């Protein structure tokens, strides 16, 4: 029997695929250290991070999302590299501002796909908050948005998490910490650390800022915790208060 979390959309193929729930293209080597998916960090072979949770047809449709995530991963790495180079130079009155543009909507869909794939592996005895169904049956509106058939409607979607005075620090890693509703313990999203950027992929029905949600990493999102920016636009990087680089998420 074919297992496919996108079966609610129809059009499943008759071949089971083995999906990388952590996108294979983000890393060049054969092994990675994974943090956030288990209680302790593990170094595992990248090809072992797969699950039979999509049919081949639906898995192939989503390949552009993995490509988009890889592009953003590489751009952020280049952004930090250039910042490090410029830090070693004498202060400038102005820099030749380097500007990067990436698709926020593709990255948002990839982040949701990442949460769905990881939840299937990690949440065998858990459920989705919106429907109370198991991990292999994500809510229809989430499936439709991941496959580009509709947009995520606020409050669902991608948020940038930040604190006042927050600074970006290079971290060559992707971490995931799942978030559960404190009332019914259903999955409502995940905290996603992506190469030094802190995002929240919200998949719950309630406004994210109406209650506090502690994460596995000890952070709190909500009125008492980090600030959240829905569909972030520009991330601006300065050197000695002089603008150096701009990363723009296009929606």
Protein backbone atom coordinates (compact mmCIF):
# COMPACT_ATOMS: atom_id res chain seq x y z
CA UNK A 1 0.00 0.00 0.00
CA UNK A 2 1.38 3.40 -1.05
CA UNK A 3 1.93 5.87 1.79
CA UNK A 4 1.51 9.50 0.75
CA UNK A 5 0.73 12.45 3.00
CA UNK A 6 -0.55 14.34 -0.07
CA UNK A 7 -3.21 11.74 -0.94
CA UNK A 8 -6.01 14.21 -0.05
CA UNK A 9 -5.06 16.13 -3.21
CA UNK A 10 -5.68 13.13 -5.44
CA UNK A 11 -3.49 12.02 -8.32
CA UNK A 12 -1.22 9.68 -6.40
CA UNK A 13 1.12 7.50 -8.43
CA UNK A 14 1.47 3.75 -7.97
CA UNK A 15 5.14 3.90 -6.93
CA UNK A 16 6.35 4.53 -3.39
CA UNK A 17 9.21 7.03 -3.10
CA UNK A 18 11.74 7.49 -0.33
CA UNK A 19 11.78 11.21 0.48
CA UNK A 20 14.64 13.08 2.15
CA UNK A 21 12.74 14.91 4.88
CA UNK A 22 15.91 16.98 5.34
CA UNK A 23 16.67 18.13 1.80
CA UNK A 24 19.66 16.21 0.42
CA UNK A 25 20.92 19.16 -1.62
CA UNK A 26 21.62 21.38 1.40
CA UNK A 27 24.82 19.50 2.26
CA UNK A 28 27.77 18.50 0.15
CA UNK A 29 29.11 15.69 2.35
CA UNK A 30 27.78 12.22 3.10
CA UNK A 31 26.99 12.84 6.77
CA UNK A 32 25.59 15.68 8.88
CA UNK A 33 25.09 16.47 12.54
CA UNK A 34 21.38 16.89 13.20
CA UNK A 35 20.13 18.92 16.15
CA UNK A 36 16.56 19.43 17.27
CA UNK A 37 14.96 16.33 15.77
CA UNK A 38 15.93 14.11 18.69
CA UNK A 39 16.67 14.80 22.35
CA UNK A 40 20.38 14.69 21.62
CA UNK A 41 22.31 15.66 18.50
CA UNK A 42 23.29 12.85 16.18
CA UNK A 43 25.77 12.51 13.34
CA UNK A 44 24.15 10.37 10.69
CA UNK A 45 24.53 9.51 7.02
CA UNK A 46 22.52 12.00 4.96
CA UNK A 47 20.97 9.21 2.90
CA UNK A 48 19.54 7.66 6.06
CA UNK A 49 17.30 10.69 6.65
CA UNK A 50 14.54 9.40 4.42
CA UNK A 51 10.99 8.20 4.92
CA UNK A 52 8.42 6.42 2.79
CA UNK A 53 5.71 9.05 3.16
CA UNK A 54 5.10 10.31 -0.40
CA UNK A 55 4.28 8.64 -3.68
CA UNK A 56 6.81 9.18 -6.47
CA UNK A 57 4.45 11.48 -8.39
CA UNK A 58 3.90 13.94 -5.53
CA UNK A 59 7.53 13.78 -4.43
CA UNK A 60 8.77 14.79 -7.88
CA UNK A 61 6.31 17.71 -8.02
CA UNK A 62 7.94 19.17 -4.91
CA UNK A 63 11.54 19.02 -6.17
CA UNK A 64 11.60 22.79 -7.00
CA UNK A 65 11.08 23.51 -3.28
CA UNK A 66 14.26 21.63 -2.39
CA UNK A 67 16.11 23.53 -5.11
CA UNK A 68 14.84 26.86 -3.72
CA UNK A 69 15.93 25.96 -0.18
CA UNK A 70 19.38 24.99 -1.47
CA UNK A 71 19.70 28.34 -3.26
CA UNK A 72 18.79 30.28 -0.11
CA UNK A 73 21.16 28.14 1.97
CA UNK A 74 24.02 28.97 -0.40
CA UNK A 75 23.16 32.68 -0.59
CA UNK A 76 23.11 33.03 3.19
CA UNK A 77 26.49 31.29 3.33
CA UNK A 78 27.88 33.77 0.78
CA UNK A 79 26.36 36.69 2.69
CA UNK A 80 28.13 35.69 5.89
CA UNK A 81 31.39 35.03 4.00
CA UNK A 82 31.41 38.54 2.57
CA UNK A 83 30.58 40.06 5.97
CA UNK A 84 33.60 38.28 7.43
CA UNK A 85 35.83 39.57 4.64
CA UNK A 86 34.64 43.15 5.08
CA UNK A 87 35.10 42.99 8.86
CA UNK A 88 38.82 42.62 8.26
CA UNK A 89 38.98 45.74 6.08
CA UNK A 90 39.32 49.28 7.37
CA UNK A 91 35.99 51.08 8.03
CA UNK A 92 34.30 52.54 4.96
CA UNK A 93 32.02 55.56 4.51
CA UNK A 94 30.00 53.41 2.15
CA UNK A 95 30.11 49.89 0.74
CA UNK A 96 29.21 48.56 -2.65
CA UNK A 97 25.93 47.15 -1.31
CA UNK A 98 25.43 43.54 -2.31
CA UNK A 99 21.76 42.67 -2.81
CA UNK A 100 20.21 39.20 -2.97
CA UNK A 101 16.62 38.32 -3.83
CA UNK A 102 14.99 35.01 -3.00
CA UNK A 103 11.46 33.64 -3.21
CA UNK A 104 9.81 33.87 0.18
CA UNK A 105 6.81 31.86 -1.01
CA UNK A 106 8.93 28.93 -2.24
CA UNK A 107 10.91 28.94 0.99
CA UNK A 108 7.69 29.03 3.01
CA UNK A 109 6.35 26.02 1.12
CA UNK A 110 9.65 24.17 1.63
CA UNK A 111 9.60 24.93 5.37
CA UNK A 112 6.05 23.51 5.62
CA UNK A 113 7.13 20.43 3.64
CA UNK A 114 10.06 20.00 6.04
CA UNK A 115 7.72 20.15 9.05
CA UNK A 116 5.27 17.65 7.52
CA UNK A 117 8.03 15.18 6.59
CA UNK A 118 9.74 15.45 9.95
CA UNK A 119 6.47 15.15 11.88
CA UNK A 120 5.74 11.85 10.15
CA UNK A 121 9.08 10.48 11.37
CA UNK A 122 8.99 11.96 14.88
CA UNK A 123 5.31 12.06 15.80
CA UNK A 124 4.09 8.49 15.54
CA UNK A 125 1.75 8.89 18.54
CA UNK A 126 0.89 12.57 18.00
CA UNK A 127 -1.65 14.51 15.94
CA UNK A 128 -2.32 17.69 13.99
CA UNK A 129 -3.99 20.43 16.03
CA UNK A 130 -6.40 21.50 13.27
CA UNK A 131 -7.90 18.09 12.54
CA UNK A 132 -6.73 15.75 15.31
CA UNK A 133 -5.54 13.38 12.57
CA UNK A 134 -2.22 11.52 12.65
CA UNK A 135 1.05 12.75 11.10
CA UNK A 136 0.43 11.11 7.69
CA UNK A 137 -2.80 13.11 7.27
CA UNK A 138 -1.91 16.81 7.38
CA UNK A 139 -4.86 19.24 7.03
CA UNK A 140 -6.01 19.74 3.43
CA UNK A 141 -5.25 23.48 3.39
CA UNK A 142 -1.65 22.76 4.37
CA UNK A 143 -1.25 20.22 1.54
CA UNK A 144 -2.80 22.63 -0.95
CA UNK A 145 -0.45 25.43 0.06
CA UNK A 146 2.67 23.25 -0.06
CA UNK A 147 1.78 22.15 -3.59
CA UNK A 148 1.05 25.75 -4.66
CA UNK A 149 -2.68 25.26 -5.20
CA UNK A 150 -3.47 28.06 -2.75
CA UNK A 151 -1.59 30.44 -0.47
CA UNK A 152 -1.11 30.07 3.24
CA UNK A 153 -3.66 32.37 4.86
CA UNK A 154 -2.57 34.31 7.92
CA UNK A 155 -1.99 33.33 10.70
CA UNK A 156 -0.56 30.30 8.86
CA UNK A 157 2.77 30.85 7.19
CA UNK A 158 6.39 31.81 7.73
CA UNK A 159 7.53 34.21 10.45
CA UNK A 160 10.95 35.63 11.21
CA UNK A 161 11.66 35.42 14.95
CA UNK A 162 13.85 38.09 16.52
CA UNK A 163 14.62 39.91 19.74
CA UNK A 164 15.28 43.64 20.08
CA UNK A 165 18.95 44.18 19.31
CA UNK A 166 19.23 40.67 17.84
CA UNK A 167 22.22 39.96 15.63
CA UNK A 168 22.72 37.25 13.06
CA UNK A 169 25.55 34.80 13.69
CA UNK A 170 26.77 32.29 11.17
CA UNK A 171 25.66 28.74 11.91
CA UNK A 172 26.13 26.15 9.16
CA UNK A 173 23.15 24.08 10.25
CA UNK A 174 19.40 23.56 10.04
CA UNK A 175 17.54 22.83 13.28
CA UNK A 176 13.91 21.98 13.87
CA UNK A 177 11.97 22.17 17.15
CA UNK A 178 8.31 21.18 16.88
CA UNK A 179 5.62 23.31 18.52
CA UNK A 180 2.48 21.90 20.10
CA UNK A 181 -0.68 23.62 21.29
CA UNK A 182 -0.54 23.70 25.12
CA UNK A 183 -4.27 22.89 25.37
CA UNK A 184 -4.78 19.86 23.11
CA UNK A 185 -1.09 19.05 22.40
CA UNK A 186 -1.68 19.02 18.64
CA UNK A 187 1.09 20.11 16.27
CA UNK A 188 0.87 23.79 15.35
CA UNK A 189 4.21 24.31 13.65
CA UNK A 190 7.93 24.39 14.28
CA UNK A 191 10.80 26.62 15.18
CA UNK A 192 13.26 26.50 12.27
CA UNK A 193 16.85 27.69 12.63
CA UNK A 194 18.19 28.04 9.11
CA UNK A 195 21.86 28.99 8.70
CA UNK A 196 21.70 31.50 11.58
CA UNK A 197 18.21 32.85 10.80
CA UNK A 198 15.38 32.01 13.23
CA UNK A 199 12.03 31.28 11.61
CA UNK A 200 8.72 29.92 12.82
CA UNK A 201 6.62 27.90 10.38
CA UNK A 202 3.12 28.27 11.81
CA UNK A 203 0.50 25.70 10.82
CA UNK A 204 -2.08 26.27 13.57
CA UNK A 205 -5.47 27.91 13.37
CA UNK A 206 -5.07 30.41 16.22
CA UNK A 207 -3.16 33.68 16.07
CA UNK A 208 0.43 32.95 16.97
CA UNK A 209 0.73 35.98 19.26
CA UNK A 210 -2.29 35.12 21.42
CA UNK A 211 -0.49 32.64 23.65
CA UNK A 212 3.04 31.73 24.66
CA UNK A 213 4.57 28.54 23.29
CA UNK A 214 7.80 27.23 24.83
CA UNK A 215 10.10 25.47 22.38
CA UNK A 216 12.43 22.52 22.87
CA UNK A 217 15.31 24.99 22.65
CA UNK A 218 14.06 26.90 25.70
CA UNK A 219 12.79 29.91 23.75
CA UNK A 220 9.31 31.35 24.02
CA UNK A 221 7.25 32.76 21.17
CA UNK A 222 4.30 34.98 22.02
CA UNK A 223 3.69 38.12 24.09
CA UNK A 224 6.32 37.14 26.66
CA UNK A 225 8.97 36.01 24.21
CA UNK A 226 10.57 36.74 20.85
CA UNK A 227 8.98 39.13 18.37
CA UNK A 228 7.58 37.66 15.18
CA UNK A 229 7.48 39.22 11.71
CA UNK A 230 5.04 37.65 9.25
CA UNK A 231 6.40 37.22 5.72
CA UNK A 232 9.68 39.09 6.34
CA UNK A 233 10.92 41.46 3.66
CA UNK A 234 14.48 42.78 3.89
CA UNK A 235 17.23 41.49 6.14
CA UNK A 236 19.82 44.28 6.26
CA UNK A 237 23.46 43.72 7.23
CA UNK A 238 25.66 46.67 8.20
CA UNK A 239 29.32 47.17 9.05
CA UNK A 240 29.95 49.94 11.62
CA UNK A 241 26.45 51.27 10.90
CA UNK A 242 27.15 51.40 7.15
CA UNK A 243 24.88 49.25 4.98
CA UNK A 244 26.77 46.32 3.48
CA UNK A 245 24.29 43.72 2.19
CA UNK A 246 20.54 43.20 1.83
CA UNK A 247 18.69 39.90 1.58
CA UNK A 248 15.16 40.38 0.23
CA UNK A 249 12.40 37.78 0.52
CA UNK A 250 9.94 38.28 -2.32
CA UNK A 251 6.26 37.35 -1.86
